[in-house]
Amino acid sequence: MAGVKRSVGLTFSVAVALLIGAPPAISAAAPTLPSASADAMDVPLDIGPGQATRSVATAYAHAHPGSAPAGSNDFACEPSATHLRPVVLAHGTDTEAYADWAALSPALAADGYCVFALNYGGAIEEEDGDVAHETYGVGDIVGSATAFGSFVDQVLTATGADKVDVIGYSQGATVTRYYVNKMGGDAYVDHWVGLASPTYGGVMFGLVPIVRAIPGGEDFVEDVFSRAVREQMQGSDTLNALNDGGDTVPGVRYTTIGSTVDEMIQPSSNIALRDAGAENIVLQDLCPSNLTGHFRMPYDPYVIDVIRTVLDPDAERHASCSAVPLGTDIPQVVIDANS
């Protein structure tokens, strides 16, 4: 069985090399990653520069731990008459606010929004008993949703706003929707936006059924990768609980923005919400030649414009529909993850 598990683990690693957030490197000895506690949250305050690509943003984040994306986390920001609600951003798996939001945050701030971004679900990654680095978005989703709710409270108190709008990318979409749907967040969120949202999870290139067929397979995924990865597999207890009784709740506007060529959420129809109050936007319906996938979504200029106009239909567009080849940026994502 150990040999089988090793083989599945290496294959699963290849899939996770195209996974939600920045994936771990493939190695013979996987790092020990403790489960994150519910309060493992950090609010970065050292503002970094805006970035145009994930690769450059990731490199900057590694060189400058604790960076906040440009335009974010000004707790003295006062919402304007045209943008009354602050926008709160939640990153994806095994990454952080700066790496995911270094392009969108400054774009929203330039539009006049008060923008806020946290690091949630944190844990210390160890290699050979030594601390390697702190990572985020790896803890259990319910605990991360609790932390996100606490952050929203801070934002509302600081800005005096009655409600916020929320944008969650990848796992961040699930974390924030759990807060909205199951923790009373519907009283404080007007518009929820899920970018590349794993609403109904992914089969991860068909590997999830294989993993589940092996005794201890799901535990292996959690031990080698993280609790958060396990909880985003299609059919997980967490996703089933979140979507039980309906995947939306009354009084909140919901929007998903997805791609038919998402490298992780397969089938891509699992991105869409299925109940009342939801608008599901498919990138290729708007721009068929743009084959941006999961990892490029927060950095694609056209997608950024879609987000801006979802929040404000009167927002001036800055990017036109243009061709993006299939697989763009994926080789660099894998290189960055293993460097």
C-alpha atoms as a PDB file:
ATOM      1  CA  MET A   1       0.000   0.000   0.000  1.00  0.00           C
ATOM      2  CA  ALA A   2       2.854   2.409   0.681  1.00  0.00           C
ATOM      3  CA  GLY A   3       4.009   2.054  -2.909  1.00  0.00           C
ATOM      4  CA  VAL A   4       0.507   2.659  -4.204  1.00  0.00           C
ATOM      5  CA  LYS A   5       0.118   5.724  -2.029  1.00  0.00           C
ATOM      6  CA  ARG A   6       3.457   7.100  -3.242  1.00  0.00           C
ATOM      7  CA  SER A   7       2.405   6.622  -6.869  1.00  0.00           C
ATOM      8  CA  VAL A   8      -0.951   8.279  -6.293  1.00  0.00           C
ATOM      9  CA  GLY A   9       0.758  11.056  -4.352  1.00  0.00           C
ATOM     10  CA  LEU A  10       3.136  11.891  -7.189  1.00  0.00           C
ATOM     11  CA  THR A  11       0.313  11.857  -9.727  1.00  0.00           C
ATOM     12  CA  PHE A  12      -1.829  13.947  -7.415  1.00  0.00           C
ATOM     13  CA  SER A  13       1.090  16.349  -7.036  1.00  0.00           C
ATOM     14  CA  VAL A  14       1.097  16.943 -10.767  1.00  0.00           C
ATOM     15  CA  ALA A  15      -2.579  17.888 -10.554  1.00  0.00           C
ATOM     16  CA  VAL A  16      -1.967  20.060  -7.533  1.00  0.00           C
ATOM     17  CA  ALA A  17       0.813  21.708  -9.518  1.00  0.00           C
ATOM     18  CA  LEU A  18      -2.148  23.172 -11.369  1.00  0.00           C
ATOM     19  CA  LEU A  19      -4.168  23.679  -8.214  1.00  0.00           C
ATOM     20  CA  ILE A  20      -6.016  26.410  -6.415  1.00  0.00           C
ATOM     21  CA  GLY A  21      -3.427  28.917  -5.339  1.00  0.00           C
ATOM     22  CA  ALA A  22       0.329  28.375  -5.437  1.00  0.00           C
ATOM     23  CA  PRO A  23       1.034  24.620  -5.291  1.00  0.00           C
ATOM     24  CA  PRO A  24       3.695  22.896  -3.222  1.00  0.00           C
ATOM     25  CA  ALA A  25       6.801  21.536  -4.891  1.00  0.00           C
ATOM     26  CA  ILE A  26       6.975  17.836  -5.704  1.00  0.00           C
ATOM     27  CA  SER A  27       9.606  16.213  -3.512  1.00  0.00           C
ATOM     28  CA  ALA A  28      10.429  12.833  -2.072  1.00  0.00           C
ATOM     29  CA  ALA A  29       9.952  14.117   1.474  1.00  0.00           C
ATOM     30  CA  ALA A  30       6.835  16.226   1.745  1.00  0.00           C
ATOM     31  CA  PRO A  31       6.982  19.120   4.234  1.00  0.00           C
ATOM     32  CA  THR A  32       5.070  18.875   7.479  1.00  0.00           C
ATOM     33  CA  LEU A  33       2.205  21.325   7.431  1.00  0.00           C
ATOM     34  CA  PRO A  34       0.293  21.694  10.706  1.00  0.00           C
ATOM     35  CA  SER A  35      -3.426  22.400  10.582  1.00  0.00           C
ATOM     36  CA  ALA A  36      -4.215  26.074  10.855  1.00  0.00           C
ATOM     37  CA  SER A  37      -6.245  27.330  13.771  1.00  0.00           C
ATOM     38  CA  ALA A  38      -9.442  29.329  13.351  1.00  0.00           C
ATOM     39  CA  ASP A  39      -7.689  32.523  14.367  1.00  0.00           C
ATOM     40  CA  ALA A  40      -4.657  32.007  12.092  1.00  0.00           C
ATOM     41  CA  MET A  41      -5.263  35.308  10.349  1.00  0.00           C
ATOM     42  CA  ASP A  42      -2.959  38.159   9.480  1.00  0.00           C
ATOM     43  CA  VAL A  43      -3.723  41.653   8.208  1.00  0.00           C
ATOM     44  CA  PRO A  44      -0.734  42.768   6.105  1.00  0.00           C
ATOM     45  CA  LEU A  45       0.028  46.478   6.269  1.00  0.00           C
ATOM     46  CA  ASP A  46       3.306  46.882   4.361  1.00  0.00           C
ATOM     47  CA  ILE A  47       2.026  48.079   1.008  1.00  0.00           C
ATOM     48  CA  GLY A  48       3.800  46.627  -2.016  1.00  0.00           C
ATOM     49  CA  PRO A  49       3.738  47.811  -5.624  1.00  0.00           C
ATOM     50  CA  GLY A  50       1.099  46.891  -8.154  1.00  0.00           C
ATOM     51  CA  GLN A  51       1.999  43.964 -10.408  1.00  0.00           C
ATOM     52  CA  ALA A  52       0.898  42.804 -13.843  1.00  0.00           C
ATOM     53  CA  THR A  53       1.648  39.081 -13.517  1.00  0.00           C
ATOM     54  CA  ARG A  54       1.305  36.397 -10.878  1.00  0.00           C
ATOM     55  CA  SER A  55       4.920  35.340 -11.295  1.00  0.00           C
ATOM     56  CA  VAL A  56       6.323  38.768 -10.438  1.00  0.00           C
ATOM     57  CA  ALA A  57       3.827  39.169  -7.581  1.00  0.00           C
ATOM     58  CA  THR A  58       4.757  35.774  -6.152  1.00  0.00           C
ATOM     59  CA  ALA A  59       8.472  36.579  -6.300  1.00  0.00           C
ATOM     60  CA  TYR A  60       7.882  39.896  -4.545  1.00  0.00           C
ATOM     61  CA  ALA A  61       5.755  38.229  -1.871  1.00  0.00           C
ATOM     62  CA  HIS A  62       8.501  35.689  -1.152  1.00  0.00           C
ATOM     63  CA  ALA A  63      11.119  38.435  -0.927  1.00  0.00           C
ATOM     64  CA  HIS A  64       8.906  40.718   1.175  1.00  0.00           C
ATOM     65  CA  PRO A  65       6.817  38.609   3.587  1.00  0.00           C
ATOM     66  CA  GLY A  66       3.775  40.343   5.015  1.00  0.00           C
ATOM     67  CA  SER A  67       3.202  42.600   2.027  1.00  0.00           C
ATOM     68  CA  ALA A  68      -0.226  43.998   1.297  1.00  0.00           C
ATOM     69  CA  PRO A  69      -1.405  44.620  -2.259  1.00  0.00           C
ATOM     70  CA  ALA A  70      -1.289  48.218  -3.432  1.00  0.00           C
ATOM     71  CA  GLY A  71      -4.425  50.163  -2.610  1.00  0.00           C
ATOM     72  CA  SER A  72      -5.474  47.928   0.279  1.00  0.00           C
ATOM     73  CA  ASN A  73      -5.811  48.026   4.062  1.00  0.00           C
ATOM     74  CA  ASP A  74      -6.037  51.757   4.630  1.00  0.00           C
ATOM     75  CA  PHE A  75      -8.174  51.677   7.751  1.00  0.00           C
ATOM     76  CA  ALA A  76      -8.599  55.433   7.542  1.00  0.00           C
ATOM     77  CA  CYS A  77     -10.298  55.101   4.145  1.00  0.00           C
ATOM     78  CA  GLU A  78     -13.753  56.655   4.000  1.00  0.00           C
ATOM     79  CA  PRO A  79     -16.215  55.151   1.514  1.00  0.00           C
ATOM     80  CA  SER A  80     -17.263  57.615  -1.183  1.00  0.00           C
ATOM     81  CA  ALA A  81     -20.791  58.564  -2.146  1.00  0.00           C
ATOM     82  CA  THR A  82     -20.457  56.513  -5.337  1.00  0.00           C
ATOM     83  CA  HIS A  83     -18.869  53.475  -3.648  1.00  0.00           C
ATOM     84  CA  LEU A  84     -20.478  53.201  -0.240  1.00  0.00           C
ATOM     85  CA  ARG A  85     -19.404  49.643   0.442  1.00  0.00           C
ATOM     86  CA  PRO A  86     -15.784  48.625   1.046  1.00  0.00           C
ATOM     87  CA  VAL A  87     -14.542  45.663  -1.003  1.00  0.00           C
ATOM     88  CA  VAL A  88     -12.980  42.797   0.948  1.00  0.00           C
ATOM     89  CA  LEU A  89     -10.717  40.340  -0.890  1.00  0.00           C
ATOM     90  CA  ALA A  90     -10.001  36.709   0.050  1.00  0.00           C
ATOM     91  CA  HIS A  91      -7.100  34.855  -1.603  1.00  0.00           C
ATOM     92  CA  GLY A  92      -6.809  31.216  -2.663  1.00  0.00           C
ATOM     93  CA  THR A  93      -5.050  28.108  -1.373  1.00  0.00           C
ATOM     94  CA  ASP A  94      -1.431  28.054  -0.186  1.00  0.00           C
ATOM     95  CA  THR A  95      -0.869  31.667  -1.142  1.00  0.00           C
ATOM     96  CA  GLU A  96      -1.493  35.108   0.336  1.00  0.00           C
ATOM     97  CA  ALA A  97      -3.228  38.398  -0.303  1.00  0.00           C
ATOM     98  CA  TYR A  98      -0.343  40.055  -2.137  1.00  0.00           C
ATOM     99  CA  ALA A  99       0.332  37.188  -4.539  1.00  0.00           C
ATOM    100  CA  ASP A 100      -3.314  36.959  -5.614  1.00  0.00           C
ATOM    101  CA  TRP A 101      -4.428  40.590  -5.515  1.00  0.00           C
ATOM    102  CA  ALA A 102      -1.442  42.701  -6.639  1.00  0.00           C
ATOM    103  CA  ALA A 103      -3.281  43.607  -9.866  1.00  0.00           C
ATOM    104  CA  LEU A 104      -6.953  43.809  -8.840  1.00  0.00           C
ATOM    105  CA  SER A 105      -6.535  45.702  -5.562  1.00  0.00           C
ATOM    106  CA  PRO A 106      -4.884  48.790  -7.089  1.00  0.00           C
ATOM    107  CA  ALA A 107      -7.411  48.727  -9.941  1.00  0.00           C
ATOM    108  CA  LEU A 108     -10.315  48.842  -7.480  1.00  0.00           C
ATOM    109  CA  ALA A 109      -8.610  51.503  -5.370  1.00  0.00           C
ATOM    110  CA  ALA A 110      -8.175  53.616  -8.523  1.00  0.00           C
ATOM    111  CA  ASP A 111     -11.927  53.298  -9.067  1.00  0.00           C
ATOM    112  CA  GLY A 112     -12.453  54.874  -5.646  1.00  0.00           C
ATOM    113  CA  TYR A 113     -13.190  51.835  -3.480  1.00  0.00           C
ATOM    114  CA  CYS A 114     -11.900  51.256   0.026  1.00  0.00           C
ATOM    115  CA  VAL A 115     -10.172  47.899  -0.463  1.00  0.00           C
ATOM    116  CA  PHE A 116      -9.186  45.427   2.236  1.00  0.00           C
ATOM    117  CA  ALA A 117      -7.377  42.092   2.064  1.00  0.00           C
ATOM    118  CA  LEU A 118      -6.408  39.581   4.740  1.00  0.00           C
ATOM    119  CA  ASN A 119      -4.241  36.484   4.962  1.00  0.00           C
ATOM    120  CA  TYR A 120      -6.304  33.635   6.415  1.00  0.00           C
ATOM    121  CA  GLY A 121      -5.850  29.968   7.299  1.00  0.00           C
ATOM    122  CA  GLY A 122      -2.185  30.353   8.196  1.00  0.00           C
ATOM    123  CA  ALA A 123       0.283  27.708   9.286  1.00  0.00           C
ATOM    124  CA  ILE A 124       4.021  27.308   9.696  1.00  0.00           C
ATOM    125  CA  GLU A 125       5.550  25.011   7.096  1.00  0.00           C
ATOM    126  CA  GLU A 126       8.435  22.911   8.361  1.00  0.00           C
ATOM    127  CA  GLU A 127      11.109  20.966   6.541  1.00  0.00           C
ATOM    128  CA  ASP A 128      13.319  18.533   8.457  1.00  0.00           C
ATOM    129  CA  GLY A 129      12.104  20.030  11.726  1.00  0.00           C
ATOM    130  CA  ASP A 130      13.056  23.588  10.794  1.00  0.00           C
ATOM    131  CA  VAL A 131      10.672  26.409  10.015  1.00  0.00           C
ATOM    132  CA  ALA A 132      10.656  27.010   6.260  1.00  0.00           C
ATOM    133  CA  HIS A 133       8.036  29.717   5.920  1.00  0.00           C
ATOM    134  CA  GLU A 134       4.539  30.707   6.884  1.00  0.00           C
ATOM    135  CA  THR A 135       1.823  29.887   4.402  1.00  0.00           C
ATOM    136  CA  TYR A 136      -1.864  30.777   4.214  1.00  0.00           C
ATOM    137  CA  GLY A 137      -5.052  29.285   2.881  1.00  0.00           C
ATOM    138  CA  VAL A 138      -4.267  25.798   4.147  1.00  0.00           C
ATOM    139  CA  GLY A 139      -6.476  25.453   7.228  1.00  0.00           C
ATOM    140  CA  ASP A 140      -9.994  24.124   7.489  1.00  0.00           C
ATOM    141  CA  ILE A 141     -12.508  26.208   5.599  1.00  0.00           C
ATOM    142  CA  VAL A 142     -14.915  26.682   8.501  1.00  0.00           C
ATOM    143  CA  GLY A 143     -12.130  28.087  10.673  1.00  0.00           C
ATOM    144  CA  SER A 144     -11.024  30.351   7.837  1.00  0.00           C
ATOM    145  CA  ALA A 145     -14.591  31.568   7.379  1.00  0.00           C
ATOM    146  CA  THR A 146     -14.691  32.457  11.078  1.00  0.00           C
ATOM    147  CA  ALA A 147     -11.495  34.472  10.688  1.00  0.00           C
ATOM    148  CA  PHE A 148     -12.875  36.190   7.610  1.00  0.00           C
ATOM    149  CA  GLY A 149     -15.966  37.217   9.548  1.00  0.00           C
ATOM    150  CA  SER A 150     -13.786  38.807  12.209  1.00  0.00           C
ATOM    151  CA  PHE A 151     -11.961  40.759   9.518  1.00  0.00           C
ATOM    152  CA  VAL A 152     -15.236  42.012   8.054  1.00  0.00           C
ATOM    153  CA  ASP A 153     -16.168  43.258  11.526  1.00  0.00           C
ATOM    154  CA  GLN A 154     -12.895  45.211  11.640  1.00  0.00           C
ATOM    155  CA  VAL A 155     -13.557  46.738   8.221  1.00  0.00           C
ATOM    156  CA  LEU A 156     -17.104  47.786   9.097  1.00  0.00           C
ATOM    157  CA  THR A 157     -15.988  49.322  12.386  1.00  0.00           C
ATOM    158  CA  ALA A 158     -13.134  51.246  10.760  1.00  0.00           C
ATOM    159  CA  THR A 159     -15.074  52.558   7.776  1.00  0.00           C
ATOM    160  CA  GLY A 160     -18.498  53.046   9.352  1.00  0.00           C
ATOM    161  CA  ALA A 161     -20.088  51.175   6.437  1.00  0.00           C
ATOM    162  CA  ASP A 162     -23.209  49.081   6.917  1.00  0.00           C
ATOM    163  CA  LYS A 163     -22.171  46.348   4.481  1.00  0.00           C
ATOM    164  CA  VAL A 164     -19.277  45.213   2.335  1.00  0.00           C
ATOM    165  CA  ASP A 165     -18.900  43.615  -1.058  1.00  0.00           C
ATOM    166  CA  VAL A 166     -16.748  40.492  -1.138  1.00  0.00           C
ATOM    167  CA  ILE A 167     -14.526  39.000  -3.815  1.00  0.00           C
ATOM    168  CA  GLY A 168     -13.173  35.528  -3.167  1.00  0.00           C
ATOM    169  CA  TYR A 169     -10.727  33.836  -5.501  1.00  0.00           C
ATOM    170  CA  SER A 170     -10.652  30.041  -5.680  1.00  0.00           C
ATOM    171  CA  GLN A 171     -10.767  28.748  -2.068  1.00  0.00           C
ATOM    172  CA  GLY A 172     -11.436  32.330  -1.005  1.00  0.00           C
ATOM    173  CA  ALA A 173     -14.785  32.090  -2.755  1.00  0.00           C
ATOM    174  CA  THR A 174     -15.749  29.082  -0.654  1.00  0.00           C
ATOM    175  CA  VAL A 175     -14.450  30.597   2.578  1.00  0.00           C
ATOM    176  CA  THR A 176     -16.405  33.805   2.034  1.00  0.00           C
ATOM    177  CA  ARG A 177     -19.576  32.062   0.885  1.00  0.00           C
ATOM    178  CA  TYR A 178     -19.455  29.863   3.989  1.00  0.00           C
ATOM    179  CA  TYR A 179     -19.338  33.040   6.065  1.00  0.00           C
ATOM    180  CA  VAL A 180     -22.225  34.566   4.111  1.00  0.00           C
ATOM    181  CA  ASN A 181     -24.463  31.495   3.955  1.00  0.00           C
ATOM    182  CA  LYS A 182     -23.790  29.703   7.235  1.00  0.00           C
ATOM    183  CA  MET A 183     -22.414  32.236   9.725  1.00  0.00           C
ATOM    184  CA  GLY A 184     -24.769  35.181   9.460  1.00  0.00           C
ATOM    185  CA  GLY A 185     -22.597  37.075   7.004  1.00  0.00           C
ATOM    186  CA  ASP A 186     -25.637  37.757   4.842  1.00  0.00           C
ATOM    187  CA  ALA A 187     -26.436  40.621   7.226  1.00  0.00           C
ATOM    188  CA  TYR A 188     -23.129  42.311   6.368  1.00  0.00           C
ATOM    189  CA  VAL A 189     -22.505  41.406   2.717  1.00  0.00           C
ATOM    190  CA  ASP A 190     -24.408  43.003  -0.149  1.00  0.00           C
ATOM    191  CA  HIS A 191     -22.627  41.444  -3.146  1.00  0.00           C
ATOM    192  CA  TRP A 192     -20.598  38.238  -3.151  1.00  0.00           C
ATOM    193  CA  VAL A 193     -18.331  37.619  -6.139  1.00  0.00           C
ATOM    194  CA  GLY A 194     -16.652  34.253  -6.655  1.00  0.00           C
ATOM    195  CA  LEU A 195     -13.711  34.251  -9.068  1.00  0.00           C
ATOM    196  CA  ALA A 196     -12.847  30.711 -10.257  1.00  0.00           C
ATOM    197  CA  SER A 197     -15.024  29.496  -7.399  1.00  0.00           C
ATOM    198  CA  PRO A 198     -14.874  25.782  -6.491  1.00  0.00           C
ATOM    199  CA  THR A 199     -18.597  25.927  -5.742  1.00  0.00           C
ATOM    200  CA  TYR A 200     -19.142  22.196  -6.184  1.00  0.00           C
ATOM    201  CA  GLY A 201     -15.480  21.240  -6.041  1.00  0.00           C
ATOM    202  CA  GLY A 202     -13.274  19.566  -8.590  1.00  0.00           C
ATOM    203  CA  VAL A 203     -12.435  16.009  -9.592  1.00  0.00           C
ATOM    204  CA  MET A 204      -8.835  17.160 -10.186  1.00  0.00           C
ATOM    205  CA  PHE A 205      -8.308  15.546 -13.585  1.00  0.00           C
ATOM    206  CA  GLY A 206     -10.239  12.459 -12.467  1.00  0.00           C
ATOM    207  CA  LEU A 207      -7.912  11.795  -9.536  1.00  0.00           C
ATOM    208  CA  VAL A 208     -10.440  12.410  -6.758  1.00  0.00           C
ATOM    209  CA  PRO A 209     -12.403   9.161  -7.364  1.00  0.00           C
ATOM    210  CA  ILE A 210      -9.098   7.251  -7.452  1.00  0.00           C
ATOM    211  CA  VAL A 211      -7.923   8.809  -4.199  1.00  0.00           C
ATOM    212  CA  ARG A 212     -11.214   7.983  -2.508  1.00  0.00           C
ATOM    213  CA  ALA A 213     -11.022   4.376  -3.696  1.00  0.00           C
ATOM    214  CA  ILE A 214      -7.758   3.875  -1.797  1.00  0.00           C
ATOM    215  CA  PRO A 215      -8.042   3.331   1.963  1.00  0.00           C
ATOM    216  CA  GLY A 216      -6.686   6.411   3.664  1.00  0.00           C
ATOM    217  CA  GLY A 217      -6.495   8.299   0.378  1.00  0.00           C
ATOM    218  CA  GLU A 218      -8.205  11.448   1.630  1.00  0.00           C
ATOM    219  CA  ASP A 219      -6.075  11.478   4.768  1.00  0.00           C
ATOM    220  CA  PHE A 220      -3.017  11.235   2.528  1.00  0.00           C
ATOM    221  CA  VAL A 221      -4.146  14.316   0.591  1.00  0.00           C
ATOM    222  CA  GLU A 222      -4.593  16.259   3.819  1.00  0.00           C
ATOM    223  CA  ASP A 223      -1.266  15.122   5.255  1.00  0.00           C
ATOM    224  CA  VAL A 224       0.780  15.860   2.139  1.00  0.00           C
ATOM    225  CA  PHE A 225      -0.997  18.977   0.938  1.00  0.00           C
ATOM    226  CA  SER A 226      -3.479  20.515   3.362  1.00  0.00           C
ATOM    227  CA  ARG A 227      -6.878  20.279   4.966  1.00  0.00           C
ATOM    228  CA  ALA A 228      -8.082  22.972   2.570  1.00  0.00           C
ATOM    229  CA  VAL A 229      -7.185  20.922  -0.521  1.00  0.00           C
ATOM    230  CA  ARG A 230      -9.098  17.934   0.825  1.00  0.00           C
ATOM    231  CA  GLU A 231     -12.133  20.081   1.547  1.00  0.00           C
ATOM    232  CA  GLN A 232     -12.253  21.408  -2.012  1.00  0.00           C
ATOM    233  CA  MET A 233     -12.544  18.022  -3.667  1.00  0.00           C
ATOM    234  CA  GLN A 234     -15.895  17.397  -5.310  1.00  0.00           C
ATOM    235  CA  GLY A 235     -18.254  15.741  -2.858  1.00  0.00           C
ATOM    236  CA  SER A 236     -16.352  16.783   0.284  1.00  0.00           C
ATOM    237  CA  ASP A 237     -18.280  17.006   3.535  1.00  0.00           C
ATOM    238  CA  THR A 238     -17.491  20.728   3.735  1.00  0.00           C
ATOM    239  CA  LEU A 239     -18.890  21.542   0.297  1.00  0.00           C
ATOM    240  CA  ASN A 240     -21.899  19.310   0.864  1.00  0.00           C
ATOM    241  CA  ALA A 241     -22.648  21.120   4.123  1.00  0.00           C
ATOM    242  CA  LEU A 242     -22.198  24.522   2.502  1.00  0.00           C
ATOM    243  CA  ASN A 243     -24.533  23.758  -0.396  1.00  0.00           C
ATOM    244  CA  ASP A 244     -27.102  21.798   1.619  1.00  0.00           C
ATOM    245  CA  GLY A 245     -30.477  23.496   1.455  1.00  0.00           C
ATOM    246  CA  GLY A 246     -29.391  25.774  -1.400  1.00  0.00           C
ATOM    247  CA  ASP A 247     -26.144  27.367  -2.451  1.00  0.00           C
ATOM    248  CA  THR A 248     -27.432  30.924  -2.008  1.00  0.00           C
ATOM    249  CA  VAL A 249     -29.394  32.745   0.682  1.00  0.00           C
ATOM    250  CA  PRO A 250     -31.971  35.522   0.199  1.00  0.00           C
ATOM    251  CA  GLY A 251     -30.906  39.154   0.363  1.00  0.00           C
ATOM    252  CA  VAL A 252     -27.416  38.730  -1.088  1.00  0.00           C
ATOM    253  CA  ARG A 253     -26.400  39.242  -4.709  1.00  0.00           C
ATOM    254  CA  TYR A 254     -24.161  36.460  -5.990  1.00  0.00           C
ATOM    255  CA  THR A 255     -21.924  36.455  -9.067  1.00  0.00           C
ATOM    256  CA  THR A 256     -19.528  33.776 -10.231  1.00  0.00           C
ATOM    257  CA  ILE A 257     -16.897  34.424 -12.891  1.00  0.00           C
ATOM    258  CA  GLY A 258     -15.422  31.280 -14.380  1.00  0.00           C
ATOM    259  CA  SER A 259     -13.564  29.841 -17.334  1.00  0.00           C
ATOM    260  CA  THR A 260     -14.451  26.767 -19.381  1.00  0.00           C
ATOM    261  CA  VAL A 261     -10.752  25.861 -19.386  1.00  0.00           C
ATOM    262  CA  ASP A 262     -10.183  26.143 -15.640  1.00  0.00           C
ATOM    263  CA  GLU A 263      -7.217  23.871 -14.935  1.00  0.00           C
ATOM    264  CA  MET A 264      -8.543  22.749 -11.574  1.00  0.00           C
ATOM    265  CA  ILE A 265     -12.308  22.965 -11.290  1.00  0.00           C
ATOM    266  CA  GLN A 266     -13.531  20.232 -13.540  1.00  0.00           C
ATOM    267  CA  PRO A 267     -16.141  19.977 -14.840  1.00  0.00           C
ATOM    268  CA  SER A 268     -16.108  23.771 -15.187  1.00  0.00           C
ATOM    269  CA  SER A 269     -19.881  23.751 -14.655  1.00  0.00           C
ATOM    270  CA  ASN A 270     -19.045  23.127 -10.970  1.00  0.00           C
ATOM    271  CA  ILE A 271     -18.079  26.806 -10.735  1.00  0.00           C
ATOM    272  CA  ALA A 272     -21.649  28.025 -11.221  1.00  0.00           C
ATOM    273  CA  LEU A 273     -24.177  28.534  -8.443  1.00  0.00           C
ATOM    274  CA  ARG A 274     -27.472  26.754  -9.086  1.00  0.00           C
ATOM    275  CA  ASP A 275     -29.993  28.562  -6.952  1.00  0.00           C
ATOM    276  CA  ALA A 276     -31.876  31.852  -6.879  1.00  0.00           C
ATOM    277  CA  GLY A 277     -30.072  35.168  -6.752  1.00  0.00           C
ATOM    278  CA  ALA A 278     -27.026  34.085  -8.746  1.00  0.00           C
ATOM    279  CA  GLU A 279     -25.513  35.404 -11.951  1.00  0.00           C
ATOM    280  CA  ASN A 280     -22.972  33.051 -13.501  1.00  0.00           C
ATOM    281  CA  ILE A 281     -20.549  34.659 -15.945  1.00  0.00           C
ATOM    282  CA  VAL A 282     -18.402  32.506 -18.225  1.00  0.00           C
ATOM    283  CA  LEU A 283     -15.354  34.311 -19.591  1.00  0.00           C
ATOM    284  CA  GLN A 284     -15.532  32.639 -22.997  1.00  0.00           C
ATOM    285  CA  ASP A 285     -19.158  33.735 -23.453  1.00  0.00           C
ATOM    286  CA  LEU A 286     -17.880  37.322 -23.357  1.00  0.00           C
ATOM    287  CA  CYS A 287     -14.560  36.801 -25.135  1.00  0.00           C
ATOM    288  CA  PRO A 288     -14.317  33.398 -26.887  1.00  0.00           C
ATOM    289  CA  SER A 289     -10.650  33.816 -27.815  1.00  0.00           C
ATOM    290  CA  ASN A 290      -9.564  34.433 -24.215  1.00  0.00           C
ATOM    291  CA  LEU A 291      -8.576  31.013 -22.881  1.00  0.00           C
ATOM    292  CA  THR A 292      -7.369  32.247 -19.510  1.00  0.00           C
ATOM    293  CA  GLY A 293      -7.533  29.502 -16.891  1.00  0.00           C
ATOM    294  CA  HIS A 294      -7.618  29.239 -13.126  1.00  0.00           C
ATOM    295  CA  PHE A 295      -4.308  30.814 -12.155  1.00  0.00           C
ATOM    296  CA  ARG A 296      -4.338  33.698 -14.602  1.00  0.00           C
ATOM    297  CA  MET A 297      -7.849  34.881 -13.729  1.00  0.00           C
ATOM    298  CA  PRO A 298      -6.841  37.537 -11.124  1.00  0.00           C
ATOM    299  CA  TYR A 299      -4.200  38.932 -13.508  1.00  0.00           C
ATOM    300  CA  ASP A 300      -6.007  38.903 -16.829  1.00  0.00           C
ATOM    301  CA  PRO A 301      -6.831  42.548 -17.760  1.00  0.00           C
ATOM    302  CA  TYR A 302     -10.117  41.578 -19.383  1.00  0.00           C
ATOM    303  CA  VAL A 303     -11.197  39.574 -16.311  1.00  0.00           C
ATOM    304  CA  ILE A 304     -10.254  42.485 -14.071  1.00  0.00           C
ATOM    305  CA  ASP A 305     -12.554  44.674 -16.141  1.00  0.00           C
ATOM    306  CA  VAL A 306     -15.348  42.098 -15.804  1.00  0.00           C
ATOM    307  CA  ILE A 307     -14.945  42.243 -12.015  1.00  0.00           C
ATOM    308  CA  ARG A 308     -14.967  46.046 -12.045  1.00  0.00           C
ATOM    309  CA  THR A 309     -18.164  46.170 -14.106  1.00  0.00           C
ATOM    310  CA  VAL A 310     -19.806  43.484 -11.963  1.00  0.00           C
ATOM    311  CA  LEU A 311     -19.292  45.779  -8.981  1.00  0.00           C
ATOM    312  CA  ASP A 312     -20.212  48.909 -10.944  1.00  0.00           C
ATOM    313  CA  PRO A 313     -21.909  48.550 -14.355  1.00  0.00           C
ATOM    314  CA  ASP A 314     -20.892  52.145 -15.153  1.00  0.00           C
ATOM    315  CA  ALA A 315     -17.166  51.478 -14.683  1.00  0.00           C
ATOM    316  CA  GLU A 316     -15.074  52.471 -17.680  1.00  0.00           C
ATOM    317  CA  ARG A 317     -13.486  49.484 -19.375  1.00  0.00           C
ATOM    318  CA  HIS A 318      -9.723  49.516 -19.862  1.00  0.00           C
ATOM    319  CA  ALA A 319      -9.167  46.229 -21.710  1.00  0.00           C
ATOM    320  CA  SER A 320     -10.623  44.869 -24.941  1.00  0.00           C
ATOM    321  CA  CYS A 321     -11.277  41.254 -25.821  1.00  0.00           C
ATOM    322  CA  SER A 322      -8.064  39.726 -27.126  1.00  0.00           C
ATOM    323  CA  ALA A 323      -6.755  36.233 -27.686  1.00  0.00           C
ATOM    324  CA  VAL A 324      -5.084  34.402 -24.798  1.00  0.00           C
ATOM    325  CA  PRO A 325      -3.694  30.978 -25.786  1.00  0.00           C
ATOM    326  CA  LEU A 326      -4.664  27.905 -23.794  1.00  0.00           C
ATOM    327  CA  GLY A 327      -2.231  27.217 -20.958  1.00  0.00           C
ATOM    328  CA  THR A 328      -0.829  30.728 -20.812  1.00  0.00           C
ATOM    329  CA  ASP A 329       1.299  31.251 -17.666  1.00  0.00           C
ATOM    330  CA  ILE A 330       0.970  27.621 -16.533  1.00  0.00           C
ATOM    331  CA  PRO A 331       4.645  26.698 -17.118  1.00  0.00           C
ATOM    332  CA  GLN A 332       5.702  29.709 -15.066  1.00  0.00           C
ATOM    333  CA  VAL A 333       3.284  28.778 -12.264  1.00  0.00           C
ATOM    334  CA  VAL A 334       4.909  25.347 -12.031  1.00  0.00           C
ATOM    335  CA  ILE A 335       8.418  26.846 -12.139  1.00  0.00           C
ATOM    336  CA  ASP A 336       7.546  29.366  -9.437  1.00  0.00           C
ATOM    337  CA  ALA A 337       6.054  26.651  -7.233  1.00  0.00           C
ATOM    338  CA  ASN A 338       9.197  24.545  -7.412  1.00  0.00           C
ATOM    339  CA  SER A 339      11.782  27.312  -7.128  1.00  0.00           C
END
